[in-house]
Amino acid sequence: MHVVTDDGVRIAYDREGAGGRPLVLVGGLGQMRGTDAGTRTLTSELAARGLDVVHPDRPGRGDSGDGDATLAGEVAAIRALVDELGGRAALYGSSSGGAIALAAAAELPGVDRLVLWEVPLGTAGGTEAWAWHAGIVERAAAGDPEAVLRFATEGMPPEWLEGMLGGPDRERFLRLAPTTAADAEALAWAADALADGSLARSVTVPTTVLTGATAWPFFVEAADALVAALPDASRGEVPGAEHGWAPADLADVVAAALDGPISP
């Protein structure tokens, strides 16, 4: 299925569980439908728990059209998907996709609840994230997508990059590379908004912040900071480690988090 944003970008998506409570999944730095079997399974698990789940390709990824690799473009895509679901939906944001989900909730009145998974958010402002963003943009402008991916994944487990560049989906990941600028921009925006207090004023919907049972410490620090800052936020835990989860386990926790009154 597909929908077109106000700025003319075609967004491809899968949908399961029509008629349930609407939920849009917002992927992180390297996620897209064609390569992310775990989130495809998660979509089915969530639909089986009574949710109407949309699993999209973000702009410039997978089967979606090219966007401008900005946070504004990501929010425009979410707006189009929420409108397609009737104008109201919850968002599940995975990793850097959690920062995109926060930005969408700050701007779009149709976002009525958030569930965030291990957002790698700086808690002392966005200076480092803005530098990361600048490095991605510089390499993308030079037309070297492999250099973009290598820079964007510095400090991450090396097998993640090896899987992108050494596997059968190499060309898909090279196309995706410039879109990581939007991930960096979202994290920089959210870190600045957390530090200056504006995040608490702009994101008021009920929010559940999740980490794995043995999460890396900086994910825990970020999660605790978000819960302390946001006016209606709670912590949750999913069995899992090293930024990973089993689809059924995560679906149980997400479904429980969304089983409550919808924000007016």
Foldseek 3Di string as FASTA:
>chain_A
DWWAFPVGKIKDKDKAQPPFAEEEEFEAQQDADVPCVQVVVLRVLLSVLRYTYIYIGFAQADPIHHDDLALVSRLRRVQRVCVVSPQAHEYEAAALRQLSNLVNLLPGPRHFEYEYELHLADQAAQPVLVVLLVVLVVVVVVVDLLVLLVSNQPPAPPVVNCCQCVDPNVVRRSSSRSSSSHSSNSRRVVNHCLNVLVSQVRRAHAYEYEYEPAEDVSSVVVSVSVQVRHPHYYYDYFHDYSSDHRSNRVSVVVSVSPPDDTHD
